[in-house]
């Protein structure tokens, strides 16, 4: 069972962020993810840096650990410039980039450009077109597509990604259409399960089992990542509790666990628990 971590982009870019990424690399984690948002409600009106520049800096200062965007959405990303950024990150890192993708929700990222609110169906329609074009742009050297919402005219993607046929996609979402897109485009799928600090294991595990089963029914065979929210505490109450959690996730078909790197504000994995978390994954 692989272990990946999230380092939030509120950490100072040339100081704390890069130091924590380096520490995670030394610990042997599989991927260091960071969030692709413009703001985040839990850290409202506090420093928050851009995902792509942070990962570019991390790519230049690490050698082994994979680096991931999580989760980019059509809320403010256009496929053409975003594909160019992802290709460049893959070149900078020597082929170590992962990209998480989702439909996005209503909130600050959706409102910042002045767009009107969208229904869930409209968001999924937009995501399907956005994801399909991003896939094409990252696979092909030159792309021309005239879509309903997105157009690319003679869009050059040279020299292309280091990884072939493109950087791997990790698709987020638990509804039928999201799972179908994950099965079609994803090399991995990520879920929080039911989200919230009040959600306990009796609710969390059955929900993940149901979601994972639906992905299989949709034809998905990709890597499956279970992610703990930044304020979830119960898996880290003891080494035995965490080991049991990892074992149950493996039985449900998950290949990877993603946790938030310990933080000075107390969110994420409690600092005293990181040792047994690493040990449970053989690190």
C-alpha atoms as a PDB file:
ATOM      1  CA  UNK A   1       0.000   0.000   0.000  1.00  0.00           C
ATOM      2  CA  UNK A   2       1.612   3.230  -1.163  1.00  0.00           C
ATOM      3  CA  UNK A   3       1.650   6.377   0.964  1.00  0.00           C
ATOM      4  CA  UNK A   4       1.335   9.848  -0.546  1.00  0.00           C
ATOM      5  CA  UNK A   5       1.042  13.199   1.211  1.00  0.00           C
ATOM      6  CA  UNK A   6      -0.420  16.633   0.641  1.00  0.00           C
ATOM      7  CA  UNK A   7       1.605  19.731   1.480  1.00  0.00           C
ATOM      8  CA  UNK A   8      -0.749  22.695   1.379  1.00  0.00           C
ATOM      9  CA  UNK A   9       0.293  25.706  -0.736  1.00  0.00           C
ATOM     10  CA  UNK A  10       0.055  28.114   2.194  1.00  0.00           C
ATOM     11  CA  UNK A  11       3.641  27.267   3.154  1.00  0.00           C
ATOM     12  CA  UNK A  12       6.315  29.803   2.165  1.00  0.00           C
ATOM     13  CA  UNK A  13       7.554  28.734  -1.286  1.00  0.00           C
ATOM     14  CA  UNK A  14      11.344  28.944  -0.828  1.00  0.00           C
ATOM     15  CA  UNK A  15      11.267  28.037   2.843  1.00  0.00           C
ATOM     16  CA  UNK A  16       8.709  25.806   4.454  1.00  0.00           C
ATOM     17  CA  UNK A  17       7.071  24.344   1.342  1.00  0.00           C
ATOM     18  CA  UNK A  18      10.303  23.113  -0.232  1.00  0.00           C
ATOM     19  CA  UNK A  19      11.612  21.945   3.148  1.00  0.00           C
ATOM     20  CA  UNK A  20       8.508  19.838   3.754  1.00  0.00           C
ATOM     21  CA  UNK A  21       8.591  18.394   0.241  1.00  0.00           C
ATOM     22  CA  UNK A  22      12.242  17.462   0.782  1.00  0.00           C
ATOM     23  CA  UNK A  23      11.393  15.862   4.128  1.00  0.00           C
ATOM     24  CA  UNK A  24       8.595  13.865   2.513  1.00  0.00           C
ATOM     25  CA  UNK A  25      10.969  12.716  -0.237  1.00  0.00           C
ATOM     26  CA  UNK A  26      13.504  11.554   2.344  1.00  0.00           C
ATOM     27  CA  UNK A  27      10.730   9.655   4.121  1.00  0.00           C
ATOM     28  CA  UNK A  28      10.088   7.692   0.936  1.00  0.00           C
ATOM     29  CA  UNK A  29       6.501   8.699   0.103  1.00  0.00           C
ATOM     30  CA  UNK A  30       5.238   8.012  -3.404  1.00  0.00           C
ATOM     31  CA  UNK A  31       3.759  11.408  -4.356  1.00  0.00           C
ATOM     32  CA  UNK A  32       3.686  14.869  -2.818  1.00  0.00           C
ATOM     33  CA  UNK A  33       0.471  16.567  -3.892  1.00  0.00           C
ATOM     34  CA  UNK A  34      -0.526  20.185  -3.434  1.00  0.00           C
ATOM     35  CA  UNK A  35      -3.925  21.777  -3.914  1.00  0.00           C
ATOM     36  CA  UNK A  36      -4.816  23.665  -7.079  1.00  0.00           C
ATOM     37  CA  UNK A  37      -7.123  26.368  -5.728  1.00  0.00           C
ATOM     38  CA  UNK A  38      -6.955  30.149  -5.702  1.00  0.00           C
ATOM     39  CA  UNK A  39      -8.219  30.334  -2.119  1.00  0.00           C
ATOM     40  CA  UNK A  40      -9.307  27.773   0.456  1.00  0.00           C
ATOM     41  CA  UNK A  41     -12.193  28.283   2.918  1.00  0.00           C
ATOM     42  CA  UNK A  42     -10.358  26.657   5.861  1.00  0.00           C
ATOM     43  CA  UNK A  43      -7.497  29.153   5.511  1.00  0.00           C
ATOM     44  CA  UNK A  44      -9.493  32.162   4.365  1.00  0.00           C
ATOM     45  CA  UNK A  45      -7.534  35.443   4.086  1.00  0.00           C
ATOM     46  CA  UNK A  46      -4.215  33.723   4.797  1.00  0.00           C
ATOM     47  CA  UNK A  47      -1.237  33.288   2.426  1.00  0.00           C
ATOM     48  CA  UNK A  48      -1.960  30.877  -0.420  1.00  0.00           C
ATOM     49  CA  UNK A  49       0.402  30.302  -3.338  1.00  0.00           C
ATOM     50  CA  UNK A  50      -0.010  28.991  -6.879  1.00  0.00           C
ATOM     51  CA  UNK A  51       0.175  25.243  -7.396  1.00  0.00           C
ATOM     52  CA  UNK A  52       2.100  25.162 -10.683  1.00  0.00           C
ATOM     53  CA  UNK A  53       4.957  27.498  -9.628  1.00  0.00           C
ATOM     54  CA  UNK A  54       5.312  25.625  -6.339  1.00  0.00           C
ATOM     55  CA  UNK A  55       5.602  22.301  -8.153  1.00  0.00           C
ATOM     56  CA  UNK A  56       8.115  23.806 -10.587  1.00  0.00           C
ATOM     57  CA  UNK A  57      10.309  24.784  -7.626  1.00  0.00           C
ATOM     58  CA  UNK A  58       9.838  21.340  -6.079  1.00  0.00           C
ATOM     59  CA  UNK A  59      10.750  19.666  -9.368  1.00  0.00           C
ATOM     60  CA  UNK A  60      14.051  21.563  -9.404  1.00  0.00           C
ATOM     61  CA  UNK A  61      14.935  20.631  -5.823  1.00  0.00           C
ATOM     62  CA  UNK A  62      13.946  16.938  -5.689  1.00  0.00           C
ATOM     63  CA  UNK A  63      15.104  13.872  -7.582  1.00  0.00           C
ATOM     64  CA  UNK A  64      12.830  10.919  -6.805  1.00  0.00           C
ATOM     65  CA  UNK A  65       9.439  11.788  -5.352  1.00  0.00           C
ATOM     66  CA  UNK A  66       6.512  12.231  -7.708  1.00  0.00           C
ATOM     67  CA  UNK A  67       4.782  15.612  -7.631  1.00  0.00           C
ATOM     68  CA  UNK A  68       1.058  16.131  -8.104  1.00  0.00           C
ATOM     69  CA  UNK A  69      -1.588  18.738  -8.879  1.00  0.00           C
ATOM     70  CA  UNK A  70      -4.798  18.152  -6.906  1.00  0.00           C
ATOM     71  CA  UNK A  71      -7.450  18.781  -8.063  1.00  0.00           C
ATOM     72  CA  UNK A  72      -7.445  21.029 -11.144  1.00  0.00           C
ATOM     73  CA  UNK A  73     -10.882  21.938 -12.504  1.00  0.00           C
ATOM     74  CA  UNK A  74     -12.453  23.937 -15.333  1.00  0.00           C
ATOM     75  CA  UNK A  75     -13.433  26.634 -12.821  1.00  0.00           C
ATOM     76  CA  UNK A  76     -10.476  28.779 -13.907  1.00  0.00           C
ATOM     77  CA  UNK A  77      -8.255  26.462 -15.977  1.00  0.00           C
ATOM     78  CA  UNK A  78      -8.392  26.509 -19.785  1.00  0.00           C
ATOM     79  CA  UNK A  79      -7.073  23.274 -21.336  1.00  0.00           C
ATOM     80  CA  UNK A  80      -4.635  24.915 -23.786  1.00  0.00           C
ATOM     81  CA  UNK A  81      -2.421  26.934 -21.396  1.00  0.00           C
ATOM     82  CA  UNK A  82      -2.847  24.333 -18.651  1.00  0.00           C
ATOM     83  CA  UNK A  83      -1.595  21.558 -20.940  1.00  0.00           C
ATOM     84  CA  UNK A  84       1.481  23.651 -21.718  1.00  0.00           C
ATOM     85  CA  UNK A  85       2.151  24.119 -17.988  1.00  0.00           C
ATOM     86  CA  UNK A  86       1.766  20.399 -17.282  1.00  0.00           C
ATOM     87  CA  UNK A  87       4.069  19.427 -20.147  1.00  0.00           C
ATOM     88  CA  UNK A  88       6.658  21.897 -18.863  1.00  0.00           C
ATOM     89  CA  UNK A  89       6.380  20.534 -15.322  1.00  0.00           C
ATOM     90  CA  UNK A  90       6.882  17.005 -16.647  1.00  0.00           C
ATOM     91  CA  UNK A  91      10.013  18.146 -18.482  1.00  0.00           C
ATOM     92  CA  UNK A  92      11.324  19.999 -15.400  1.00  0.00           C
ATOM     93  CA  UNK A  93      10.796  16.970 -13.171  1.00  0.00           C
ATOM     94  CA  UNK A  94      12.149  14.382 -15.581  1.00  0.00           C
ATOM     95  CA  UNK A  95       8.764  12.669 -15.823  1.00  0.00           C
ATOM     96  CA  UNK A  96       7.556  12.792 -12.202  1.00  0.00           C
ATOM     97  CA  UNK A  97       4.292  14.755 -12.559  1.00  0.00           C
ATOM     98  CA  UNK A  98       0.815  13.496 -11.675  1.00  0.00           C
ATOM     99  CA  UNK A  99      -2.291  15.582 -12.307  1.00  0.00           C
ATOM    100  CA  UNK A 100      -5.545  15.319 -10.380  1.00  0.00           C
ATOM    101  CA  UNK A 101      -8.640  16.486 -12.259  1.00  0.00           C
ATOM    102  CA  UNK A 102     -12.262  17.057 -11.267  1.00  0.00           C
ATOM    103  CA  UNK A 103     -15.438  18.852 -12.252  1.00  0.00           C
ATOM    104  CA  UNK A 104     -15.124  21.398  -9.436  1.00  0.00           C
ATOM    105  CA  UNK A 105     -17.830  22.780  -7.199  1.00  0.00           C
ATOM    106  CA  UNK A 106     -19.462  26.129  -6.617  1.00  0.00           C
ATOM    107  CA  UNK A 107     -17.386  28.363  -4.389  1.00  0.00           C
ATOM    108  CA  UNK A 108     -14.596  30.962  -4.582  1.00  0.00           C
ATOM    109  CA  UNK A 109     -12.768  29.266  -7.470  1.00  0.00           C
ATOM    110  CA  UNK A 110     -15.995  29.130  -9.461  1.00  0.00           C
ATOM    111  CA  UNK A 111     -16.960  32.742  -8.786  1.00  0.00           C
ATOM    112  CA  UNK A 112     -13.589  34.482  -9.087  1.00  0.00           C
ATOM    113  CA  UNK A 113     -13.848  35.043 -12.858  1.00  0.00           C
ATOM    114  CA  UNK A 114     -17.412  36.297 -12.603  1.00  0.00           C
ATOM    115  CA  UNK A 115     -18.982  33.196 -14.132  1.00  0.00           C
ATOM    116  CA  UNK A 116     -22.605  32.432 -13.441  1.00  0.00           C
ATOM    117  CA  UNK A 117     -23.464  29.501 -11.148  1.00  0.00           C
ATOM    118  CA  UNK A 118     -23.835  26.162 -12.916  1.00  0.00           C
ATOM    119  CA  UNK A 119     -26.036  23.187 -12.199  1.00  0.00           C
ATOM    120  CA  UNK A 120     -24.336  19.848 -11.425  1.00  0.00           C
ATOM    121  CA  UNK A 121     -25.277  18.626 -14.899  1.00  0.00           C
ATOM    122  CA  UNK A 122     -23.754  21.709 -16.545  1.00  0.00           C
ATOM    123  CA  UNK A 123     -20.571  21.260 -14.525  1.00  0.00           C
ATOM    124  CA  UNK A 124     -20.276  17.634 -15.625  1.00  0.00           C
ATOM    125  CA  UNK A 125     -20.952  18.512 -19.272  1.00  0.00           C
ATOM    126  CA  UNK A 126     -18.193  21.107 -19.102  1.00  0.00           C
ATOM    127  CA  UNK A 127     -15.806  18.737 -17.314  1.00  0.00           C
ATOM    128  CA  UNK A 128     -16.276  15.985 -19.895  1.00  0.00           C
ATOM    129  CA  UNK A 129     -15.358  18.334 -22.745  1.00  0.00           C
ATOM    130  CA  UNK A 130     -12.488  19.916 -20.769  1.00  0.00           C
ATOM    131  CA  UNK A 131     -11.011  16.553 -19.807  1.00  0.00           C
ATOM    132  CA  UNK A 132     -11.270  15.174 -23.331  1.00  0.00           C
ATOM    133  CA  UNK A 133      -9.485  18.176 -24.822  1.00  0.00           C
ATOM    134  CA  UNK A 134      -6.779  18.136 -22.142  1.00  0.00           C
ATOM    135  CA  UNK A 135      -6.171  14.460 -22.909  1.00  0.00           C
ATOM    136  CA  UNK A 136      -5.795  15.201 -26.622  1.00  0.00           C
ATOM    137  CA  UNK A 137      -3.535  18.219 -26.082  1.00  0.00           C
ATOM    138  CA  UNK A 138      -1.136  16.239 -23.902  1.00  0.00           C
ATOM    139  CA  UNK A 139      -0.974  13.299 -26.328  1.00  0.00           C
ATOM    140  CA  UNK A 140      -0.686  15.113 -29.658  1.00  0.00           C
ATOM    141  CA  UNK A 141       2.063  17.462 -30.919  1.00  0.00           C
ATOM    142  CA  UNK A 142      -0.438  19.779 -32.621  1.00  0.00           C
ATOM    143  CA  UNK A 143      -4.169  20.017 -31.874  1.00  0.00           C
ATOM    144  CA  UNK A 144      -7.068  21.796 -33.543  1.00  0.00           C
ATOM    145  CA  UNK A 145     -10.478  21.213 -31.944  1.00  0.00           C
ATOM    146  CA  UNK A 146     -13.636  23.326 -32.141  1.00  0.00           C
ATOM    147  CA  UNK A 147     -15.791  22.310 -29.191  1.00  0.00           C
ATOM    148  CA  UNK A 148     -18.967  23.622 -27.646  1.00  0.00           C
ATOM    149  CA  UNK A 149     -17.119  25.310 -24.760  1.00  0.00           C
ATOM    150  CA  UNK A 150     -13.418  25.043 -25.614  1.00  0.00           C
ATOM    151  CA  UNK A 151     -11.473  25.617 -28.802  1.00  0.00           C
ATOM    152  CA  UNK A 152      -7.844  24.894 -29.657  1.00  0.00           C
ATOM    153  CA  UNK A 153      -6.454  26.155 -32.957  1.00  0.00           C
ATOM    154  CA  UNK A 154      -3.039  24.880 -34.050  1.00  0.00           C
ATOM    155  CA  UNK A 155      -2.103  24.360 -30.393  1.00  0.00           C
ATOM    156  CA  UNK A 156       1.528  23.189 -30.324  1.00  0.00           C
ATOM    157  CA  UNK A 157       2.631  20.888 -27.536  1.00  0.00           C
ATOM    158  CA  UNK A 158       6.312  20.438 -28.239  1.00  0.00           C
ATOM    159  CA  UNK A 159       8.446  18.674 -27.185  1.00  0.00           C
ATOM    160  CA  UNK A 160       5.602  16.917 -25.353  1.00  0.00           C
ATOM    161  CA  UNK A 161       5.536  15.082 -22.048  1.00  0.00           C
ATOM    162  CA  UNK A 162       8.422  12.940 -20.821  1.00  0.00           C
ATOM    163  CA  UNK A 163       5.887  10.330 -19.694  1.00  0.00           C
ATOM    164  CA  UNK A 164       4.046   8.578 -22.488  1.00  0.00           C
ATOM    165  CA  UNK A 165       1.488   8.830 -23.852  1.00  0.00           C
ATOM    166  CA  UNK A 166       1.060  11.804 -21.435  1.00  0.00           C
ATOM    167  CA  UNK A 167       1.266  12.694 -17.753  1.00  0.00           C
ATOM    168  CA  UNK A 168      -0.995  10.357 -15.731  1.00  0.00           C
ATOM    169  CA  UNK A 169      -4.473  11.586 -14.805  1.00  0.00           C
ATOM    170  CA  UNK A 170      -5.971  11.033 -11.353  1.00  0.00           C
ATOM    171  CA  UNK A 171      -9.699  11.685 -11.710  1.00  0.00           C
ATOM    172  CA  UNK A 172     -11.738  12.730  -8.679  1.00  0.00           C
ATOM    173  CA  UNK A 173     -15.469  12.226  -8.271  1.00  0.00           C
ATOM    174  CA  UNK A 174     -17.999   9.696  -7.055  1.00  0.00           C
ATOM    175  CA  UNK A 175     -21.073  10.233  -9.238  1.00  0.00           C
ATOM    176  CA  UNK A 176     -21.896   8.012 -12.217  1.00  0.00           C
ATOM    177  CA  UNK A 177     -20.543  10.391 -14.851  1.00  0.00           C
ATOM    178  CA  UNK A 178     -17.364  11.168 -12.899  1.00  0.00           C
ATOM    179  CA  UNK A 179     -16.696   7.462 -12.434  1.00  0.00           C
ATOM    180  CA  UNK A 180     -17.279   6.818 -16.142  1.00  0.00           C
ATOM    181  CA  UNK A 181     -14.752   9.555 -16.982  1.00  0.00           C
ATOM    182  CA  UNK A 182     -12.319   8.116 -14.434  1.00  0.00           C
ATOM    183  CA  UNK A 183     -12.662   4.723 -16.104  1.00  0.00           C
ATOM    184  CA  UNK A 184     -12.098   6.216 -19.547  1.00  0.00           C
ATOM    185  CA  UNK A 185      -9.280   8.697 -18.896  1.00  0.00           C
ATOM    186  CA  UNK A 186      -7.830   7.984 -15.474  1.00  0.00           C
ATOM    187  CA  UNK A 187      -4.672   6.175 -14.556  1.00  0.00           C
ATOM    188  CA  UNK A 188      -5.810   6.698 -10.957  1.00  0.00           C
ATOM    189  CA  UNK A 189      -8.943   7.663  -9.036  1.00  0.00           C
ATOM    190  CA  UNK A 190      -9.043   9.539  -5.729  1.00  0.00           C
ATOM    191  CA  UNK A 191     -11.830   9.855  -3.179  1.00  0.00           C
ATOM    192  CA  UNK A 192     -12.320  11.397   0.242  1.00  0.00           C
ATOM    193  CA  UNK A 193     -15.315   9.165   0.791  1.00  0.00           C
ATOM    194  CA  UNK A 194     -17.985  11.061   2.745  1.00  0.00           C
ATOM    195  CA  UNK A 195     -16.249  14.303   3.670  1.00  0.00           C
ATOM    196  CA  UNK A 196     -16.105  15.992   7.055  1.00  0.00           C
ATOM    197  CA  UNK A 197     -14.383  15.758  10.454  1.00  0.00           C
ATOM    198  CA  UNK A 198     -17.531  14.261  11.980  1.00  0.00           C
ATOM    199  CA  UNK A 199     -17.514  11.240   9.615  1.00  0.00           C
ATOM    200  CA  UNK A 200     -16.364   8.104  11.438  1.00  0.00           C
ATOM    201  CA  UNK A 201     -15.190   4.692  10.234  1.00  0.00           C
ATOM    202  CA  UNK A 202     -18.652   3.098  10.421  1.00  0.00           C
ATOM    203  CA  UNK A 203     -19.805   5.483   7.706  1.00  0.00           C
ATOM    204  CA  UNK A 204     -16.511   5.933   5.857  1.00  0.00           C
ATOM    205  CA  UNK A 205     -15.571   2.361   4.959  1.00  0.00           C
ATOM    206  CA  UNK A 206     -18.994   1.312   3.564  1.00  0.00           C
ATOM    207  CA  UNK A 207     -19.084   4.482   1.457  1.00  0.00           C
ATOM    208  CA  UNK A 208     -15.648   3.763  -0.010  1.00  0.00           C
ATOM    209  CA  UNK A 209     -16.615   0.165  -0.717  1.00  0.00           C
ATOM    210  CA  UNK A 210     -19.693   1.357  -2.615  1.00  0.00           C
ATOM    211  CA  UNK A 211     -17.768   3.995  -4.575  1.00  0.00           C
ATOM    212  CA  UNK A 212     -14.977   1.584  -5.503  1.00  0.00           C
ATOM    213  CA  UNK A 213     -17.495  -1.042  -6.611  1.00  0.00           C
ATOM    214  CA  UNK A 214     -19.230   1.509  -8.842  1.00  0.00           C
ATOM    215  CA  UNK A 215     -15.899   2.430 -10.421  1.00  0.00           C
ATOM    216  CA  UNK A 216     -15.348  -1.247 -11.237  1.00  0.00           C
ATOM    217  CA  UNK A 217     -18.854  -1.468 -12.707  1.00  0.00           C
ATOM    218  CA  UNK A 218     -17.984   1.539 -14.893  1.00  0.00           C
ATOM    219  CA  UNK A 219     -14.960  -0.361 -16.217  1.00  0.00           C
ATOM    220  CA  UNK A 220     -12.327   1.367 -14.112  1.00  0.00           C
ATOM    221  CA  UNK A 221      -9.140  -0.610 -13.476  1.00  0.00           C
ATOM    222  CA  UNK A 222      -6.962   2.315 -12.398  1.00  0.00           C
ATOM    223  CA  UNK A 223      -4.998   2.887  -9.201  1.00  0.00           C
ATOM    224  CA  UNK A 224      -7.339   3.742  -6.314  1.00  0.00           C
ATOM    225  CA  UNK A 225      -6.388   6.377  -3.750  1.00  0.00           C
ATOM    226  CA  UNK A 226      -8.184   6.867  -0.425  1.00  0.00           C
ATOM    227  CA  UNK A 227      -7.573  10.330   0.967  1.00  0.00           C
ATOM    228  CA  UNK A 228      -8.121  11.587   4.511  1.00  0.00           C
ATOM    229  CA  UNK A 229      -9.409  15.118   4.960  1.00  0.00           C
ATOM    230  CA  UNK A 230      -7.145  17.626   6.675  1.00  0.00           C
ATOM    231  CA  UNK A 231      -9.270  17.587   9.836  1.00  0.00           C
ATOM    232  CA  UNK A 232      -9.843  13.818  10.102  1.00  0.00           C
ATOM    233  CA  UNK A 233      -8.334  12.377  13.294  1.00  0.00           C
ATOM    234  CA  UNK A 234      -9.673   8.860  13.971  1.00  0.00           C
ATOM    235  CA  UNK A 235      -7.250   6.865  11.729  1.00  0.00           C
ATOM    236  CA  UNK A 236      -4.281   8.331  13.632  1.00  0.00           C
ATOM    237  CA  UNK A 237      -5.390   7.549  17.195  1.00  0.00           C
ATOM    238  CA  UNK A 238      -2.821   4.749  17.483  1.00  0.00           C
ATOM    239  CA  UNK A 239      -0.454   2.630  15.433  1.00  0.00           C
ATOM    240  CA  UNK A 240      -2.875  -0.316  15.624  1.00  0.00           C
ATOM    241  CA  UNK A 241      -5.791   1.832  14.503  1.00  0.00           C
ATOM    242  CA  UNK A 242      -3.873   3.106  11.500  1.00  0.00           C
ATOM    243  CA  UNK A 243      -2.569  -0.345  10.542  1.00  0.00           C
ATOM    244  CA  UNK A 244      -6.112  -1.704  10.716  1.00  0.00           C
ATOM    245  CA  UNK A 245      -7.328   1.162   8.522  1.00  0.00           C
ATOM    246  CA  UNK A 246      -4.688   0.443   5.880  1.00  0.00           C
ATOM    247  CA  UNK A 247      -5.550  -3.256   5.972  1.00  0.00           C
ATOM    248  CA  UNK A 248      -9.254  -2.616   5.496  1.00  0.00           C
ATOM    249  CA  UNK A 249      -8.551  -0.277   2.582  1.00  0.00           C
ATOM    250  CA  UNK A 250      -6.409  -2.939   0.921  1.00  0.00           C
ATOM    251  CA  UNK A 251      -9.271  -5.417   1.264  1.00  0.00           C
ATOM    252  CA  UNK A 252     -11.501  -2.895  -0.531  1.00  0.00           C
ATOM    253  CA  UNK A 253      -9.089  -2.756  -3.465  1.00  0.00           C
ATOM    254  CA  UNK A 254      -7.290   0.503  -2.697  1.00  0.00           C
ATOM    255  CA  UNK A 255      -3.617   0.784  -3.663  1.00  0.00           C
ATOM    256  CA  UNK A 256      -2.687   4.045  -2.001  1.00  0.00           C
ATOM    257  CA  UNK A 257      -3.419   6.218   1.029  1.00  0.00           C
ATOM    258  CA  UNK A 258      -3.035   9.993   0.904  1.00  0.00           C
ATOM    259  CA  UNK A 259      -2.682  12.061   4.089  1.00  0.00           C
ATOM    260  CA  UNK A 260      -1.945  15.695   4.903  1.00  0.00           C
ATOM    261  CA  UNK A 261       1.618  16.305   6.053  1.00  0.00           C
ATOM    262  CA  UNK A 262       1.753  17.452   9.717  1.00  0.00           C
ATOM    263  CA  UNK A 263       1.115  21.150  10.170  1.00  0.00           C
ATOM    264  CA  UNK A 264       1.907  23.650  12.954  1.00  0.00           C
ATOM    265  CA  UNK A 265      -1.799  24.568  13.185  1.00  0.00           C
ATOM    266  CA  UNK A 266      -2.606  20.984  14.252  1.00  0.00           C
ATOM    267  CA  UNK A 267      -4.340  19.996  11.026  1.00  0.00           C
ATOM    268  CA  UNK A 268      -3.190  16.990   9.026  1.00  0.00           C
ATOM    269  CA  UNK A 269      -1.507  13.935  10.515  1.00  0.00           C
ATOM    270  CA  UNK A 270      -0.657  14.637  14.184  1.00  0.00           C
ATOM    271  CA  UNK A 271       3.104  15.154  14.358  1.00  0.00           C
ATOM    272  CA  UNK A 272       3.478  12.313  16.864  1.00  0.00           C
ATOM    273  CA  UNK A 273       1.691   9.890  14.524  1.00  0.00           C
ATOM    274  CA  UNK A 274       3.820  10.347  11.407  1.00  0.00           C
ATOM    275  CA  UNK A 275       6.316   7.709  12.554  1.00  0.00           C
ATOM    276  CA  UNK A 276       3.783   4.897  12.751  1.00  0.00           C
ATOM    277  CA  UNK A 277       2.069   6.094   9.571  1.00  0.00           C
ATOM    278  CA  UNK A 278       5.345   5.720   7.670  1.00  0.00           C
ATOM    279  CA  UNK A 279       6.056   2.389   9.356  1.00  0.00           C
ATOM    280  CA  UNK A 280       2.668   0.975   8.335  1.00  0.00           C
ATOM    281  CA  UNK A 281       3.703   1.509   4.710  1.00  0.00           C
ATOM    282  CA  UNK A 282       7.161   0.017   5.188  1.00  0.00           C
ATOM    283  CA  UNK A 283       8.932   3.396   5.107  1.00  0.00           C
END
